């Protein structure tokens, strides 16, 4: 019985549920803030013009309007081979929306880049770096639509955390802990 459970178990969600992501312990049945309600109602389509492989793509945000594809590529080249870098721009104005995607040569380089650039700064902007979720996780909603992962702001308010402001660790079942000890 325990072996079957472990085959399907992952420390990370495979399907995004805003109610669980916004819950302290994952047991909420009602949304406790407007952001969660908004995320539950909103529809989101990930960018269609990305040609990168989602497993090795990094999401980069909170950078300034002057940051270009070349700036992203140059910054992440120190962590491995960058295959592509794309700053997302507004369709109407053509101005940067302050986030983009960087594709590394392989998954190991992507993991290294995320791990080492958590407190990264590009041209004076402290960036937020995480793995891309929009194409890998069914039902994903970004923060601007009330989604994102659960977390705390510096003020202590729940929600909107991430690698730079984590709220809780993934739950590791006892069965896995026992296997790791052997």
Protein backbone atom coordinates (compact mmCIF):
# COMPACT_ATOMS: atom_id res chain seq x y z
CA UNK A 1 0.00 0.00 0.00
CA UNK A 2 2.71 2.52 0.99
CA UNK A 3 4.75 1.84 -2.16
CA UNK A 4 1.78 2.65 -4.41
CA UNK A 5 1.21 5.96 -2.63
CA UNK A 6 4.88 6.87 -3.05
CA UNK A 7 4.80 6.31 -6.81
CA UNK A 8 2.27 9.12 -7.26
CA UNK A 9 3.57 11.34 -4.45
CA UNK A 10 5.48 14.53 -5.19
CA UNK A 11 6.59 17.30 -2.82
CA UNK A 12 5.21 19.75 -5.39
CA UNK A 13 1.67 20.10 -6.68
CA UNK A 14 0.89 18.87 -10.19
CA UNK A 15 -2.42 20.74 -10.43
CA UNK A 16 -2.79 24.29 -9.13
CA UNK A 17 -5.56 25.02 -6.64
CA UNK A 18 -5.64 28.67 -5.45
CA UNK A 19 -7.58 27.69 -2.31
CA UNK A 20 -4.90 25.22 -1.20
CA UNK A 21 -2.04 27.51 -2.23
CA UNK A 22 -3.49 30.32 -0.12
CA UNK A 23 -4.21 28.12 2.89
CA UNK A 24 -1.84 27.92 5.84
CA UNK A 25 -2.13 24.15 6.12
CA UNK A 26 -3.92 23.25 2.87
CA UNK A 27 -7.23 22.48 4.56
CA UNK A 28 -9.24 25.66 3.85
CA UNK A 29 -12.67 25.11 2.31
CA UNK A 30 -13.53 28.81 1.85
CA UNK A 31 -11.32 31.61 0.49
CA UNK A 32 -10.00 33.87 3.27
CA UNK A 33 -9.13 36.86 1.05
CA UNK A 34 -10.23 38.54 -2.17
CA UNK A 35 -7.12 37.44 -4.06
CA UNK A 36 -8.01 33.77 -3.62
CA UNK A 37 -11.61 34.42 -4.70
CA UNK A 38 -10.33 36.31 -7.76
CA UNK A 39 -7.91 33.51 -8.65
CA UNK A 40 -10.69 30.95 -8.41
CA UNK A 41 -12.85 32.93 -10.87
CA UNK A 42 -10.16 34.06 -13.34
CA UNK A 43 -9.16 32.27 -16.51
CA UNK A 44 -5.48 32.37 -17.48
CA UNK A 45 -3.72 31.30 -20.65
CA UNK A 46 0.07 31.04 -20.51
CA UNK A 47 2.06 32.95 -23.16
CA UNK A 48 1.58 31.14 -26.48
CA UNK A 49 4.67 32.54 -28.14
CA UNK A 50 7.16 30.71 -25.91
CA UNK A 51 9.07 28.03 -27.77
CA UNK A 52 11.28 26.99 -24.86
CA UNK A 53 11.04 23.65 -23.08
CA UNK A 54 9.10 24.23 -19.82
CA UNK A 55 11.26 21.82 -17.76
CA UNK A 56 14.34 23.96 -18.24
CA UNK A 57 12.72 27.39 -18.37
CA UNK A 58 13.14 29.96 -15.59
CA UNK A 59 10.63 32.69 -14.77
CA UNK A 60 12.29 36.04 -14.00
CA UNK A 61 10.31 39.03 -12.69
CA UNK A 62 10.51 42.41 -10.95
CA UNK A 63 13.04 43.89 -13.31
CA UNK A 64 12.91 47.34 -14.83
CA UNK A 65 11.51 48.52 -18.15
CA UNK A 66 14.94 48.97 -19.71
CA UNK A 67 15.99 45.31 -19.29
CA UNK A 68 16.32 43.52 -22.64
CA UNK A 69 16.58 39.93 -23.84
CA UNK A 70 20.36 40.46 -24.08
CA UNK A 71 20.55 41.63 -20.46
CA UNK A 72 18.76 38.49 -19.27
CA UNK A 73 20.96 36.27 -21.42
CA UNK A 74 24.13 37.96 -20.19
CA UNK A 75 23.10 37.66 -16.52
CA UNK A 76 22.15 33.97 -16.67
CA UNK A 77 25.13 32.92 -18.82
CA UNK A 78 27.26 32.76 -15.66
CA UNK A 79 25.09 29.84 -14.44
CA UNK A 80 25.21 27.80 -17.66
CA UNK A 81 24.41 27.93 -21.36
CA UNK A 82 21.39 30.10 -22.12
CA UNK A 83 19.41 28.80 -25.10
CA UNK A 84 16.97 31.72 -25.21
CA UNK A 85 15.81 34.72 -23.21
CA UNK A 86 12.54 36.55 -23.73
CA UNK A 87 11.23 39.68 -22.04
CA UNK A 88 7.42 39.78 -22.22
CA UNK A 89 6.17 43.05 -23.71
CA UNK A 90 2.75 44.68 -23.79
CA UNK A 91 0.99 43.95 -27.08
CA UNK A 92 -0.31 47.51 -27.46
CA UNK A 93 2.57 49.68 -26.19
CA UNK A 94 5.51 47.36 -26.88
CA UNK A 95 6.92 48.17 -23.42
CA UNK A 96 8.32 45.55 -21.06
CA UNK A 97 5.88 44.11 -18.54
CA UNK A 98 8.73 43.54 -16.07
CA UNK A 99 8.99 39.78 -16.43
CA UNK A 100 10.40 37.23 -18.81
CA UNK A 101 11.61 33.69 -19.37
CA UNK A 102 15.09 32.22 -19.74
CA UNK A 103 15.67 28.76 -21.19
CA UNK A 104 18.81 26.97 -20.06
CA UNK A 105 20.54 24.12 -21.93
CA UNK A 106 19.33 21.46 -19.47
CA UNK A 107 17.35 21.03 -16.26
CA UNK A 108 20.45 20.89 -14.03
CA UNK A 109 21.62 24.29 -15.26
CA UNK A 110 18.12 25.69 -14.73
CA UNK A 111 18.09 24.40 -11.13
CA UNK A 112 21.55 25.87 -10.52
CA UNK A 113 20.52 29.22 -11.99
CA UNK A 114 17.40 29.43 -9.81
CA UNK A 115 19.30 28.39 -6.68
CA UNK A 116 22.17 30.84 -7.19
CA UNK A 117 20.22 33.87 -8.38
CA UNK A 118 17.62 34.15 -5.61
CA UNK A 119 19.07 37.49 -4.45
CA UNK A 120 20.20 38.49 -7.94
CA UNK A 121 20.37 42.05 -9.19
CA UNK A 122 20.18 43.09 -12.84
CA UNK A 123 21.04 46.73 -13.53
CA UNK A 124 19.98 47.80 -10.03
CA UNK A 125 16.76 45.76 -9.87
CA UNK A 126 16.47 42.93 -7.34
CA UNK A 127 14.89 40.19 -9.40
CA UNK A 128 12.54 37.36 -8.49
CA UNK A 129 13.56 34.01 -10.00
CA UNK A 130 11.63 30.74 -9.94
CA UNK A 131 10.84 27.80 -12.18
CA UNK A 132 8.18 28.37 -14.81
CA UNK A 133 4.79 27.05 -13.70
CA UNK A 134 2.40 28.33 -16.34
CA UNK A 135 2.96 25.51 -18.86
CA UNK A 136 3.89 22.75 -16.40
CA UNK A 137 1.13 23.05 -13.81
CA UNK A 138 -2.48 22.58 -14.88
CA UNK A 139 -4.71 25.44 -13.72
CA UNK A 140 -1.82 27.79 -12.83
CA UNK A 141 -2.74 31.43 -12.12
CA UNK A 142 -0.13 34.18 -11.73
CA UNK A 143 -0.04 36.57 -8.78
CA UNK A 144 -1.56 39.44 -10.75
CA UNK A 145 -4.76 37.36 -11.00
CA UNK A 146 -4.74 36.47 -7.32
CA UNK A 147 -2.82 33.23 -7.77
CA UNK A 148 0.77 32.34 -7.04
CA UNK A 149 2.03 30.15 -4.24
CA UNK A 150 1.16 30.63 -0.60
CA UNK A 151 3.55 32.76 1.41
CA UNK A 152 4.02 35.78 3.63
CA UNK A 153 4.83 39.37 2.90
CA UNK A 154 7.32 41.07 5.19
CA UNK A 155 4.30 42.56 6.95
CA UNK A 156 3.17 39.07 7.96
CA UNK A 157 0.16 39.06 5.62
CA UNK A 158 -0.46 35.61 4.19
CA UNK A 159 0.03 34.78 0.49
CA UNK A 160 2.31 35.93 -2.27
CA UNK A 161 5.47 34.21 -1.15
CA UNK A 162 7.97 32.44 -3.32
CA UNK A 163 11.57 31.32 -3.15
CA UNK A 164 12.59 34.68 -1.73
CA UNK A 165 9.85 34.70 0.95
CA UNK A 166 8.84 31.08 1.58
CA UNK A 167 5.91 30.25 3.81
CA UNK A 168 6.20 26.52 4.34
CA UNK A 169 8.30 23.59 3.25
CA UNK A 170 6.91 20.76 1.13
CA UNK A 171 5.51 17.94 3.27
CA UNK A 172 7.65 14.79 3.18
CA UNK A 173 5.74 11.65 4.23
CA UNK A 174 7.26 9.40 6.90
CA UNK A 175 7.64 6.60 4.35
CA UNK A 176 10.06 8.76 2.35
CA UNK A 177 11.98 9.83 5.44
CA UNK A 178 12.49 6.18 6.39
CA UNK A 179 13.77 5.33 2.89
CA UNK A 180 16.23 8.24 2.99
CA UNK A 181 17.72 6.97 6.25
CA UNK A 182 18.57 3.57 4.73
